[in-house]
Amino acid sequence: MSITKRNFVGLALAGLVAFSPLSALAQEWKPRKPIDFVIMAGPGGGADQIARFIQSVAEKKDMTTRPLVPNNKGGGSGAEALIHVSGTNDPDYTILVTLNSFFTTPLRQPNLGIDIQTFTPVAMMGVDPFVLWVHKDSGITSFEQWVETVKAADGDYVMGGTGKGQEDSIVIAYMSNAYGLDIKYIPYDGGGAVAKDLAGQQIMATVNNPAEAKGFYEAGDFVPLLAFSDERMPAYPDVPTLKEKGHDFSYYNQRAVVGAPGMSDAAAAYYGDLFTAIYESEEWQGYLTSESLSPLWMDADEQRAYWTTQVENHKALLAAMGE
């Protein structure tokens, strides 16, 4: 079971039609105090970068009557964020930037009592592919050379990733099973810390999203070896995909915004219109291109259908990795 772009596009027909003007329902409600803009990961990672970019667009264009206030809660593979948002006493002022851990963490930690279908869908902003990175000083320049290096390490090869049993570890587990690799995995709260430790050679490789590794790649410190996308990525045309290597697997991270359980219809309409405007903005469309995200829009109804599909997909992926 892979998370391909087709999984997303088949549910994203709203991306092909014009967006509606500000709804009458949304006009009934405006925020009167700062908005808790919760991020399901630590500082510096893809979700954090996206949240802060969205905040900057909203502020630059004066889109909200009160500010979006970023609030990193990456502990427990996103459990900290889910508990915080689901337990808020002010649902109209609490929204969450999600990763695929929105699906995997409740599956892996049923004791949390989190039912994602109680959350309020707001907007899907795009999807993010994964890339295998090594440090330039490793001397590795191809995926085949990397596989040989990992096998020669005989269990001492160390990789890092965001969380346990979520996006990064799913990708690494699939790759390990496909090539018979024995890899030590270190979980982090966010992709920023993962990239930093690869730059410092505290770990040997990562599968960071392009935006998380971009600065180090542009500085010449990181070497991309393999993309877990359906096709080669325009920003890395010389980097092959795992599909080209004979394995029918690709994986994309959702970049979506959801509201707290119990959010009023009027507040949900307000946030839906806000993030529609941000998605349509020249700034966001430019960000999608510069950070190698795939553009993809979903409205609230499409997101709910997508959640159901992805829970089933991730059940299969977690079972395959023994979770």
C-alpha atoms as a PDB file:
ATOM      1  CA  MET A   1       0.000   0.000   0.000  1.00  0.00           C
ATOM      2  CA  SER A   2       1.504   3.322  -1.077  1.00  0.00           C
ATOM      3  CA  ILE A   3       0.371   6.907  -0.687  1.00  0.00           C
ATOM      4  CA  THR A   4       0.530   8.064  -4.298  1.00  0.00           C
ATOM      5  CA  LYS A   5      -0.422  11.375  -5.784  1.00  0.00           C
ATOM      6  CA  ARG A   6      -3.370   9.570  -7.364  1.00  0.00           C
ATOM      7  CA  ASN A   7      -4.744   8.882  -3.863  1.00  0.00           C
ATOM      8  CA  PHE A   8      -4.942  12.623  -3.402  1.00  0.00           C
ATOM      9  CA  VAL A   9      -5.892  13.800  -6.882  1.00  0.00           C
ATOM     10  CA  GLY A  10      -8.843  11.415  -7.155  1.00  0.00           C
ATOM     11  CA  LEU A  11     -10.419  13.212  -4.222  1.00  0.00           C
ATOM     12  CA  ALA A  12      -9.403  16.715  -5.183  1.00  0.00           C
ATOM     13  CA  LEU A  13     -11.786  17.762  -7.934  1.00  0.00           C
ATOM     14  CA  ALA A  14     -12.242  21.118  -6.226  1.00  0.00           C
ATOM     15  CA  GLY A  15      -8.778  22.014  -7.469  1.00  0.00           C
ATOM     16  CA  LEU A  16     -10.194  22.108 -11.002  1.00  0.00           C
ATOM     17  CA  VAL A  17     -12.980  24.613 -10.402  1.00  0.00           C
ATOM     18  CA  ALA A  18     -13.122  28.253  -9.438  1.00  0.00           C
ATOM     19  CA  PHE A  19     -13.345  29.049  -5.741  1.00  0.00           C
ATOM     20  CA  SER A  20     -16.520  30.636  -4.403  1.00  0.00           C
ATOM     21  CA  PRO A  21     -16.577  34.170  -3.016  1.00  0.00           C
ATOM     22  CA  LEU A  22     -16.744  34.845   0.689  1.00  0.00           C
ATOM     23  CA  SER A  23     -19.720  32.886   2.025  1.00  0.00           C
ATOM     24  CA  ALA A  24     -22.579  34.538   3.856  1.00  0.00           C
ATOM     25  CA  LEU A  25     -22.023  32.208   6.805  1.00  0.00           C
ATOM     26  CA  ALA A  26     -18.367  33.240   7.084  1.00  0.00           C
ATOM     27  CA  GLN A  27     -19.404  36.896   7.186  1.00  0.00           C
ATOM     28  CA  GLU A  28     -21.356  36.178  10.374  1.00  0.00           C
ATOM     29  CA  TRP A  29     -18.200  35.512  12.419  1.00  0.00           C
ATOM     30  CA  LYS A  30     -14.861  37.239  12.811  1.00  0.00           C
ATOM     31  CA  PRO A  31     -12.130  36.423  15.355  1.00  0.00           C
ATOM     32  CA  ARG A  32     -11.944  38.850  18.246  1.00  0.00           C
ATOM     33  CA  LYS A  33      -8.720  37.564  19.789  1.00  0.00           C
ATOM     34  CA  PRO A  34      -5.496  35.822  18.596  1.00  0.00           C
ATOM     35  CA  ILE A  35      -5.896  32.381  16.984  1.00  0.00           C
ATOM     36  CA  ASP A  36      -4.013  29.394  18.408  1.00  0.00           C
ATOM     37  CA  PHE A  37      -2.263  28.057  15.277  1.00  0.00           C
ATOM     38  CA  VAL A  38      -1.040  24.670  16.502  1.00  0.00           C
ATOM     39  CA  ILE A  39       1.746  22.845  14.627  1.00  0.00           C
ATOM     40  CA  MET A  40       1.907  19.056  14.861  1.00  0.00           C
ATOM     41  CA  ALA A  41       5.739  19.014  14.878  1.00  0.00           C
ATOM     42  CA  GLY A  42       8.732  20.831  16.341  1.00  0.00           C
ATOM     43  CA  PRO A  43      10.444  24.005  15.072  1.00  0.00           C
ATOM     44  CA  GLY A  44      12.194  24.056  11.711  1.00  0.00           C
ATOM     45  CA  GLY A  45      10.425  21.149  10.008  1.00  0.00           C
ATOM     46  CA  GLY A  46       8.129  21.224   7.000  1.00  0.00           C
ATOM     47  CA  ALA A  47       4.923  21.751   8.990  1.00  0.00           C
ATOM     48  CA  ASP A  48       6.537  24.535  11.007  1.00  0.00           C
ATOM     49  CA  GLN A  49       7.876  26.265   7.893  1.00  0.00           C
ATOM     50  CA  ILE A  50       4.484  26.067   6.211  1.00  0.00           C
ATOM     51  CA  ALA A  51       2.613  27.394   9.249  1.00  0.00           C
ATOM     52  CA  ARG A  52       4.931  30.358   9.583  1.00  0.00           C
ATOM     53  CA  PHE A  53       4.766  31.099   5.863  1.00  0.00           C
ATOM     54  CA  ILE A  54       0.963  30.989   5.987  1.00  0.00           C
ATOM     55  CA  GLN A  55       1.071  33.333   8.979  1.00  0.00           C
ATOM     56  CA  SER A  56       3.280  35.750   7.035  1.00  0.00           C
ATOM     57  CA  VAL A  57       0.927  35.749   4.025  1.00  0.00           C
ATOM     58  CA  ALA A  58      -2.125  36.380   6.213  1.00  0.00           C
ATOM     59  CA  GLU A  59      -0.320  39.227   7.975  1.00  0.00           C
ATOM     60  CA  LYS A  60       1.129  40.765   4.816  1.00  0.00           C
ATOM     61  CA  LYS A  61      -2.253  40.808   3.100  1.00  0.00           C
ATOM     62  CA  ASP A  62      -4.169  41.797   6.243  1.00  0.00           C
ATOM     63  CA  MET A  63      -6.432  38.761   5.848  1.00  0.00           C
ATOM     64  CA  THR A  64      -7.445  38.305   9.489  1.00  0.00           C
ATOM     65  CA  THR A  65      -8.789  40.644  12.131  1.00  0.00           C
ATOM     66  CA  ARG A  66      -6.598  38.885  14.716  1.00  0.00           C
ATOM     67  CA  PRO A  67      -3.210  37.159  14.230  1.00  0.00           C
ATOM     68  CA  LEU A  68      -2.449  33.491  13.726  1.00  0.00           C
ATOM     69  CA  VAL A  69      -0.055  32.587  16.560  1.00  0.00           C
ATOM     70  CA  PRO A  70       2.183  29.559  15.754  1.00  0.00           C
ATOM     71  CA  ASN A  71       2.318  27.040  18.602  1.00  0.00           C
ATOM     72  CA  ASN A  72       4.663  24.045  18.189  1.00  0.00           C
ATOM     73  CA  LYS A  73       3.468  20.850  19.870  1.00  0.00           C
ATOM     74  CA  GLY A  74       5.416  17.964  18.337  1.00  0.00           C
ATOM     75  CA  GLY A  75       5.733  15.645  21.326  1.00  0.00           C
ATOM     76  CA  GLY A  76       4.640  12.018  21.117  1.00  0.00           C
ATOM     77  CA  SER A  77       4.627  11.929  17.303  1.00  0.00           C
ATOM     78  CA  GLY A  78       1.993  14.665  17.298  1.00  0.00           C
ATOM     79  CA  ALA A  79       0.000  13.295  20.247  1.00  0.00           C
ATOM     80  CA  GLU A  80       0.694  16.485  22.191  1.00  0.00           C
ATOM     81  CA  ALA A  81      -0.933  18.569  19.454  1.00  0.00           C
ATOM     82  CA  LEU A  82      -3.936  16.271  19.062  1.00  0.00           C
ATOM     83  CA  ILE A  83      -4.622  16.279  22.806  1.00  0.00           C
ATOM     84  CA  HIS A  84      -4.228  20.062  22.996  1.00  0.00           C
ATOM     85  CA  VAL A  85      -6.585  20.762  20.098  1.00  0.00           C
ATOM     86  CA  SER A  86      -9.183  18.126  20.951  1.00  0.00           C
ATOM     87  CA  GLY A  87      -9.309  19.350  24.556  1.00  0.00           C
ATOM     88  CA  THR A  88      -9.438  23.086  23.921  1.00  0.00           C
ATOM     89  CA  ASN A  89     -12.151  25.072  25.643  1.00  0.00           C
ATOM     90  CA  ASP A  90     -12.150  27.567  22.781  1.00  0.00           C
ATOM     91  CA  PRO A  91     -12.649  25.573  19.546  1.00  0.00           C
ATOM     92  CA  ASP A  92     -13.442  28.618  17.407  1.00  0.00           C
ATOM     93  CA  TYR A  93      -9.932  29.935  18.072  1.00  0.00           C
ATOM     94  CA  THR A  94      -7.920  26.699  17.696  1.00  0.00           C
ATOM     95  CA  ILE A  95      -6.682  25.328  14.362  1.00  0.00           C
ATOM     96  CA  LEU A  96      -4.071  22.693  13.575  1.00  0.00           C
ATOM     97  CA  VAL A  97      -1.466  22.263  10.820  1.00  0.00           C
ATOM     98  CA  THR A  98      -1.339  18.513  10.189  1.00  0.00           C
ATOM     99  CA  LEU A  99       0.978  15.852   8.810  1.00  0.00           C
ATOM    100  CA  ASN A 100       0.133  12.209   8.115  1.00  0.00           C
ATOM    101  CA  SER A 101       0.641  11.643  11.840  1.00  0.00           C
ATOM    102  CA  PHE A 102      -2.913  12.991  12.029  1.00  0.00           C
ATOM    103  CA  PHE A 103      -3.803   9.456  10.897  1.00  0.00           C
ATOM    104  CA  THR A 104      -0.988   7.312  12.285  1.00  0.00           C
ATOM    105  CA  THR A 105      -0.721   8.605  15.858  1.00  0.00           C
ATOM    106  CA  PRO A 106      -4.355   7.844  16.814  1.00  0.00           C
ATOM    107  CA  LEU A 107      -3.954   4.398  15.207  1.00  0.00           C
ATOM    108  CA  ARG A 108      -0.748   3.663  17.133  1.00  0.00           C
ATOM    109  CA  GLN A 109      -1.929   5.209  20.391  1.00  0.00           C
ATOM    110  CA  PRO A 110      -5.619   4.283  20.777  1.00  0.00           C
ATOM    111  CA  ASN A 111      -5.427   5.127  24.480  1.00  0.00           C
ATOM    112  CA  LEU A 112      -5.379   8.800  23.481  1.00  0.00           C
ATOM    113  CA  GLY A 113      -9.075   8.509  22.685  1.00  0.00           C
ATOM    114  CA  ILE A 114      -8.676  10.679  19.573  1.00  0.00           C
ATOM    115  CA  ASP A 115     -11.297  10.341  16.825  1.00  0.00           C
ATOM    116  CA  ILE A 116     -10.087  12.427  13.909  1.00  0.00           C
ATOM    117  CA  GLN A 117     -13.568  12.533  12.394  1.00  0.00           C
ATOM    118  CA  THR A 118     -14.604  14.810  15.278  1.00  0.00           C
ATOM    119  CA  PHE A 119     -12.142  17.460  14.050  1.00  0.00           C
ATOM    120  CA  THR A 120     -13.321  20.200  11.705  1.00  0.00           C
ATOM    121  CA  PRO A 121     -11.935  20.074   8.148  1.00  0.00           C
ATOM    122  CA  VAL A 122     -10.705  23.425   6.868  1.00  0.00           C
ATOM    123  CA  ALA A 123      -8.385  23.072   3.850  1.00  0.00           C
ATOM    124  CA  MET A 124      -5.859  20.840   2.121  1.00  0.00           C
ATOM    125  CA  MET A 125      -3.002  23.091   1.042  1.00  0.00           C
ATOM    126  CA  GLY A 126      -0.801  20.611  -0.865  1.00  0.00           C
ATOM    127  CA  VAL A 127       1.188  17.403  -0.556  1.00  0.00           C
ATOM    128  CA  ASP A 128       4.881  16.935   0.122  1.00  0.00           C
ATOM    129  CA  PRO A 129       7.072  14.113  -1.284  1.00  0.00           C
ATOM    130  CA  PHE A 130      10.038  12.511   0.485  1.00  0.00           C
ATOM    131  CA  VAL A 131      13.687  12.330  -0.593  1.00  0.00           C
ATOM    132  CA  LEU A 132      16.574  10.202   0.706  1.00  0.00           C
ATOM    133  CA  TRP A 133      19.482  12.474   1.719  1.00  0.00           C
ATOM    134  CA  VAL A 134      23.074  11.827   2.804  1.00  0.00           C
ATOM    135  CA  HIS A 135      25.875  14.185   3.797  1.00  0.00           C
ATOM    136  CA  LYS A 136      28.358  15.078   1.070  1.00  0.00           C
ATOM    137  CA  ASP A 137      31.234  13.878   3.262  1.00  0.00           C
ATOM    138  CA  SER A 138      29.852  10.325   3.138  1.00  0.00           C
ATOM    139  CA  GLY A 139      31.147  10.098  -0.421  1.00  0.00           C
ATOM    140  CA  ILE A 140      27.916   8.383  -1.494  1.00  0.00           C
ATOM    141  CA  THR A 141      26.577   9.579  -4.838  1.00  0.00           C
ATOM    142  CA  SER A 142      24.048   6.909  -5.868  1.00  0.00           C
ATOM    143  CA  PHE A 143      21.260   4.901  -4.275  1.00  0.00           C
ATOM    144  CA  GLU A 144      22.997   1.634  -5.136  1.00  0.00           C
ATOM    145  CA  GLN A 145      26.156   2.791  -3.376  1.00  0.00           C
ATOM    146  CA  TRP A 146      24.037   3.765  -0.380  1.00  0.00           C
ATOM    147  CA  VAL A 147      22.451   0.306  -0.174  1.00  0.00           C
ATOM    148  CA  GLU A 148      25.903  -1.293  -0.255  1.00  0.00           C
ATOM    149  CA  THR A 149      27.091   1.057   2.499  1.00  0.00           C
ATOM    150  CA  VAL A 150      24.120   0.286   4.749  1.00  0.00           C
ATOM    151  CA  LYS A 151      24.556  -3.460   4.307  1.00  0.00           C
ATOM    152  CA  ALA A 152      28.272  -3.216   5.047  1.00  0.00           C
ATOM    153  CA  ALA A 153      27.488  -1.366   8.306  1.00  0.00           C
ATOM    154  CA  ASP A 154      25.820  -4.568   9.545  1.00  0.00           C
ATOM    155  CA  GLY A 155      23.235  -2.922  11.792  1.00  0.00           C
ATOM    156  CA  ASP A 156      25.238   0.159  12.767  1.00  0.00           C
ATOM    157  CA  TYR A 157      23.818   2.508  10.124  1.00  0.00           C
ATOM    158  CA  VAL A 158      21.868   5.314  11.818  1.00  0.00           C
ATOM    159  CA  MET A 159      19.014   7.336  10.311  1.00  0.00           C
ATOM    160  CA  GLY A 160      16.805   9.961  11.902  1.00  0.00           C
ATOM    161  CA  GLY A 161      13.252  11.018  11.198  1.00  0.00           C
ATOM    162  CA  THR A 162      10.215  12.819  12.560  1.00  0.00           C
ATOM    163  CA  GLY A 163       8.413  10.660  15.117  1.00  0.00           C
ATOM    164  CA  LYS A 164       7.937   6.930  15.431  1.00  0.00           C
ATOM    165  CA  GLY A 165       5.409   5.003  13.379  1.00  0.00           C
ATOM    166  CA  GLN A 166       4.674   8.059  11.268  1.00  0.00           C
ATOM    167  CA  GLU A 167       5.801   9.436   7.913  1.00  0.00           C
ATOM    168  CA  ASP A 168       9.597   9.172   7.999  1.00  0.00           C
ATOM    169  CA  SER A 169       9.684   5.810   9.736  1.00  0.00           C
ATOM    170  CA  ILE A 170       7.082   4.383   7.330  1.00  0.00           C
ATOM    171  CA  VAL A 171       9.245   5.340   4.343  1.00  0.00           C
ATOM    172  CA  ILE A 172      12.426   4.002   5.962  1.00  0.00           C
ATOM    173  CA  ALA A 173      10.703   0.767   7.001  1.00  0.00           C
ATOM    174  CA  TYR A 174       9.465   0.147   3.467  1.00  0.00           C
ATOM    175  CA  MET A 175      12.918   0.769   2.030  1.00  0.00           C
ATOM    176  CA  SER A 176      14.540  -1.457   4.663  1.00  0.00           C
ATOM    177  CA  ASN A 177      12.163  -4.326   3.948  1.00  0.00           C
ATOM    178  CA  ALA A 178      12.517  -3.955   0.187  1.00  0.00           C
ATOM    179  CA  TYR A 179      16.324  -4.138   0.252  1.00  0.00           C
ATOM    180  CA  GLY A 180      16.957  -6.234   3.356  1.00  0.00           C
ATOM    181  CA  LEU A 181      18.550  -3.374   5.303  1.00  0.00           C
ATOM    182  CA  ASP A 182      19.227  -3.209   9.045  1.00  0.00           C
ATOM    183  CA  ILE A 183      18.912   0.456  10.048  1.00  0.00           C
ATOM    184  CA  LYS A 184      18.898   2.062  13.486  1.00  0.00           C
ATOM    185  CA  TYR A 185      16.182   4.715  13.600  1.00  0.00           C
ATOM    186  CA  ILE A 186      16.203   7.757  15.916  1.00  0.00           C
ATOM    187  CA  PRO A 187      12.866   9.642  16.253  1.00  0.00           C
ATOM    188  CA  TYR A 188      12.801  13.451  16.521  1.00  0.00           C
ATOM    189  CA  ASP A 189      10.013  15.923  17.233  1.00  0.00           C
ATOM    190  CA  GLY A 190      10.434  17.670  13.890  1.00  0.00           C
ATOM    191  CA  GLY A 191      12.197  17.640  10.540  1.00  0.00           C
ATOM    192  CA  GLY A 192      14.251  20.727  11.351  1.00  0.00           C
ATOM    193  CA  ALA A 193      16.152  18.893  14.090  1.00  0.00           C
ATOM    194  CA  VAL A 194      16.573  15.881  11.781  1.00  0.00           C
ATOM    195  CA  ALA A 195      18.150  18.002   9.042  1.00  0.00           C
ATOM    196  CA  LYS A 196      20.372  19.783  11.542  1.00  0.00           C
ATOM    197  CA  ASP A 197      21.740  16.498  12.875  1.00  0.00           C
ATOM    198  CA  LEU A 198      22.441  15.201   9.376  1.00  0.00           C
ATOM    199  CA  ALA A 199      24.316  18.450   8.676  1.00  0.00           C
ATOM    200  CA  GLY A 200      26.317  17.822  11.865  1.00  0.00           C
ATOM    201  CA  GLN A 201      26.760  14.167  10.894  1.00  0.00           C
ATOM    202  CA  GLN A 202      25.154  12.962  14.107  1.00  0.00           C
ATOM    203  CA  ILE A 203      23.091  10.674  11.863  1.00  0.00           C
ATOM    204  CA  MET A 204      24.002   9.159   8.499  1.00  0.00           C
ATOM    205  CA  ALA A 205      20.913   9.740   6.334  1.00  0.00           C
ATOM    206  CA  THR A 206      17.358  11.081   6.390  1.00  0.00           C
ATOM    207  CA  VAL A 207      14.214  11.022   4.268  1.00  0.00           C
ATOM    208  CA  ASN A 208      13.356  14.690   4.864  1.00  0.00           C
ATOM    209  CA  ASN A 209      10.889  16.588   2.723  1.00  0.00           C
ATOM    210  CA  PRO A 210      12.614  18.898   0.200  1.00  0.00           C
ATOM    211  CA  ALA A 211      11.793  22.087   2.126  1.00  0.00           C
ATOM    212  CA  GLU A 212      13.409  20.710   5.282  1.00  0.00           C
ATOM    213  CA  ALA A 213      16.676  19.933   3.486  1.00  0.00           C
ATOM    214  CA  LYS A 214      16.668  22.775   0.957  1.00  0.00           C
ATOM    215  CA  GLY A 215      19.089  25.124   2.721  1.00  0.00           C
ATOM    216  CA  PHE A 216      21.667  22.407   3.329  1.00  0.00           C
ATOM    217  CA  TYR A 217      21.267  21.110  -0.243  1.00  0.00           C
ATOM    218  CA  GLU A 218      21.783  24.588  -1.694  1.00  0.00           C
ATOM    219  CA  ALA A 219      24.879  24.990   0.498  1.00  0.00           C
ATOM    220  CA  GLY A 220      26.264  21.767  -0.987  1.00  0.00           C
ATOM    221  CA  ASP A 221      26.096  19.794   2.268  1.00  0.00           C
ATOM    222  CA  PHE A 222      23.334  17.332   1.337  1.00  0.00           C
ATOM    223  CA  VAL A 223      23.200  14.893  -1.577  1.00  0.00           C
ATOM    224  CA  PRO A 224      19.767  13.621  -2.746  1.00  0.00           C
ATOM    225  CA  LEU A 225      19.814   9.962  -3.777  1.00  0.00           C
ATOM    226  CA  LEU A 226      16.222   8.827  -4.255  1.00  0.00           C
ATOM    227  CA  ALA A 227      12.729  10.354  -4.455  1.00  0.00           C
ATOM    228  CA  PHE A 228       9.627   8.637  -3.084  1.00  0.00           C
ATOM    229  CA  SER A 229       7.376  10.415  -5.575  1.00  0.00           C
ATOM    230  CA  ASP A 230       5.350   9.123  -8.517  1.00  0.00           C
ATOM    231  CA  GLU A 231       7.592  10.883 -11.024  1.00  0.00           C
ATOM    232  CA  ARG A 232      10.965  12.617 -10.885  1.00  0.00           C
ATOM    233  CA  MET A 233      10.759  15.972  -9.205  1.00  0.00           C
ATOM    234  CA  PRO A 234      11.406  19.107 -11.337  1.00  0.00           C
ATOM    235  CA  ALA A 235      13.788  20.502  -8.707  1.00  0.00           C
ATOM    236  CA  TYR A 236      15.826  17.259  -8.741  1.00  0.00           C
ATOM    237  CA  PRO A 237      15.607  15.952 -12.316  1.00  0.00           C
ATOM    238  CA  ASP A 238      18.641  13.684 -11.938  1.00  0.00           C
ATOM    239  CA  VAL A 239      17.327  11.949  -8.813  1.00  0.00           C
ATOM    240  CA  PRO A 240      15.566   8.648  -9.623  1.00  0.00           C
ATOM    241  CA  THR A 241      12.372   7.480  -7.937  1.00  0.00           C
ATOM    242  CA  LEU A 242      11.943   4.252  -6.008  1.00  0.00           C
ATOM    243  CA  LYS A 243       9.427   3.249  -8.678  1.00  0.00           C
ATOM    244  CA  GLU A 244      12.228   3.429 -11.250  1.00  0.00           C
ATOM    245  CA  LYS A 245      14.126   0.953  -9.093  1.00  0.00           C
ATOM    246  CA  GLY A 246      11.322  -1.579  -9.481  1.00  0.00           C
ATOM    247  CA  HIS A 247       9.268  -0.964  -6.323  1.00  0.00           C
ATOM    248  CA  ASP A 248       5.701   0.285  -6.687  1.00  0.00           C
ATOM    249  CA  PHE A 249       5.857   2.654  -3.739  1.00  0.00           C
ATOM    250  CA  SER A 250       5.555   6.395  -3.336  1.00  0.00           C
ATOM    251  CA  TYR A 251       4.606   8.447  -0.293  1.00  0.00           C
ATOM    252  CA  TYR A 252       3.352  11.994   0.190  1.00  0.00           C
ATOM    253  CA  ASN A 253       2.852  14.002   3.367  1.00  0.00           C
ATOM    254  CA  GLN A 254      -0.371  15.997   3.631  1.00  0.00           C
ATOM    255  CA  ARG A 255      -0.093  19.704   4.359  1.00  0.00           C
ATOM    256  CA  ALA A 256      -3.549  20.456   5.668  1.00  0.00           C
ATOM    257  CA  VAL A 257      -5.318  22.662   8.198  1.00  0.00           C
ATOM    258  CA  VAL A 258      -8.075  21.372  10.482  1.00  0.00           C
ATOM    259  CA  GLY A 259     -10.133  22.970  13.210  1.00  0.00           C
ATOM    260  CA  ALA A 260     -10.847  21.775  16.726  1.00  0.00           C
ATOM    261  CA  PRO A 261     -13.765  19.462  17.488  1.00  0.00           C
ATOM    262  CA  GLY A 262     -16.850  21.518  18.294  1.00  0.00           C
ATOM    263  CA  MET A 263     -15.896  24.490  16.112  1.00  0.00           C
ATOM    264  CA  SER A 264     -18.992  26.469  15.102  1.00  0.00           C
ATOM    265  CA  ASP A 265     -20.184  26.365  11.502  1.00  0.00           C
ATOM    266  CA  ALA A 266     -19.636  30.112  11.202  1.00  0.00           C
ATOM    267  CA  ALA A 267     -16.018  29.913  12.389  1.00  0.00           C
ATOM    268  CA  ALA A 268     -15.365  26.919  10.122  1.00  0.00           C
ATOM    269  CA  ALA A 269     -16.722  28.909   7.172  1.00  0.00           C
ATOM    270  CA  TYR A 270     -14.505  31.853   8.095  1.00  0.00           C
ATOM    271  CA  TYR A 271     -11.361  29.698   8.204  1.00  0.00           C
ATOM    272  CA  GLY A 272     -12.375  27.908   5.019  1.00  0.00           C
ATOM    273  CA  ASP A 273     -12.591  31.217   3.180  1.00  0.00           C
ATOM    274  CA  LEU A 274      -9.350  32.453   4.768  1.00  0.00           C
ATOM    275  CA  PHE A 275      -7.339  29.438   3.652  1.00  0.00           C
ATOM    276  CA  THR A 276      -8.969  29.436   0.228  1.00  0.00           C
ATOM    277  CA  ALA A 277      -7.684  32.984  -0.209  1.00  0.00           C
ATOM    278  CA  ILE A 278      -4.222  31.999   1.037  1.00  0.00           C
ATOM    279  CA  TYR A 279      -4.127  28.979  -1.292  1.00  0.00           C
ATOM    280  CA  GLU A 280      -5.059  31.153  -4.269  1.00  0.00           C
ATOM    281  CA  SER A 281      -2.487  33.823  -3.415  1.00  0.00           C
ATOM    282  CA  GLU A 282       0.557  34.408  -5.571  1.00  0.00           C
ATOM    283  CA  GLU A 283       2.697  33.911  -2.484  1.00  0.00           C
ATOM    284  CA  TRP A 284       1.373  30.431  -1.693  1.00  0.00           C
ATOM    285  CA  GLN A 285       1.494  29.273  -5.313  1.00  0.00           C
ATOM    286  CA  GLY A 286       5.092  30.470  -5.458  1.00  0.00           C
ATOM    287  CA  TYR A 287       5.872  28.645  -2.223  1.00  0.00           C
ATOM    288  CA  LEU A 288       4.504  25.387  -3.635  1.00  0.00           C
ATOM    289  CA  THR A 289       6.903  25.690  -6.564  1.00  0.00           C
ATOM    290  CA  SER A 290       9.967  26.849  -4.651  1.00  0.00           C
ATOM    291  CA  GLU A 291       9.615  24.189  -1.936  1.00  0.00           C
ATOM    292  CA  SER A 292       8.741  21.310  -4.320  1.00  0.00           C
ATOM    293  CA  LEU A 293       5.251  20.706  -2.949  1.00  0.00           C
ATOM    294  CA  SER A 294       2.530  19.368  -5.234  1.00  0.00           C
ATOM    295  CA  PRO A 295      -0.415  21.786  -5.438  1.00  0.00           C
ATOM    296  CA  LEU A 296      -3.640  20.206  -4.285  1.00  0.00           C
ATOM    297  CA  TRP A 297      -6.842  21.711  -2.963  1.00  0.00           C
ATOM    298  CA  MET A 298      -9.612  19.961  -1.040  1.00  0.00           C
ATOM    299  CA  ASP A 299     -12.662  21.499   0.521  1.00  0.00           C
ATOM    300  CA  ALA A 300     -14.181  20.286   3.785  1.00  0.00           C
ATOM    301  CA  ASP A 301     -16.307  17.468   2.359  1.00  0.00           C
ATOM    302  CA  GLU A 302     -13.439  16.110   0.283  1.00  0.00           C
ATOM    303  CA  GLN A 303     -11.155  16.190   3.299  1.00  0.00           C
ATOM    304  CA  ARG A 304     -13.519  14.018   5.339  1.00  0.00           C
ATOM    305  CA  ALA A 305     -13.660  11.430   2.563  1.00  0.00           C
ATOM    306  CA  TYR A 306      -9.890  11.611   2.269  1.00  0.00           C
ATOM    307  CA  TRP A 307      -9.435  11.050   6.019  1.00  0.00           C
ATOM    308  CA  THR A 308     -11.402   7.808   5.806  1.00  0.00           C
ATOM    309  CA  THR A 309      -9.292   6.600   2.882  1.00  0.00           C
ATOM    310  CA  GLN A 310      -5.996   7.474   4.523  1.00  0.00           C
ATOM    311  CA  VAL A 311      -6.852   5.835   7.842  1.00  0.00           C
ATOM    312  CA  GLU A 312      -7.370   2.562   5.962  1.00  0.00           C
ATOM    313  CA  ASN A 313      -4.194   3.076   3.906  1.00  0.00           C
ATOM    314  CA  HIS A 314      -2.119   3.742   7.012  1.00  0.00           C
ATOM    315  CA  LYS A 315      -3.566   0.776   8.879  1.00  0.00           C
ATOM    316  CA  ALA A 316      -2.104  -1.383   6.114  1.00  0.00           C
ATOM    317  CA  LEU A 317       1.233   0.450   6.106  1.00  0.00           C
ATOM    318  CA  LEU A 318       1.608   0.215   9.898  1.00  0.00           C
ATOM    319  CA  ALA A 319       0.684  -3.471   9.871  1.00  0.00           C
ATOM    320  CA  ALA A 320       3.338  -4.106   7.237  1.00  0.00           C
ATOM    321  CA  MET A 321       5.984  -2.556   9.478  1.00  0.00           C
ATOM    322  CA  GLY A 322       4.794  -4.458  12.545  1.00  0.00           C
ATOM    323  CA  GLU A 323       3.147  -1.528  14.309  1.00  0.00           C
END
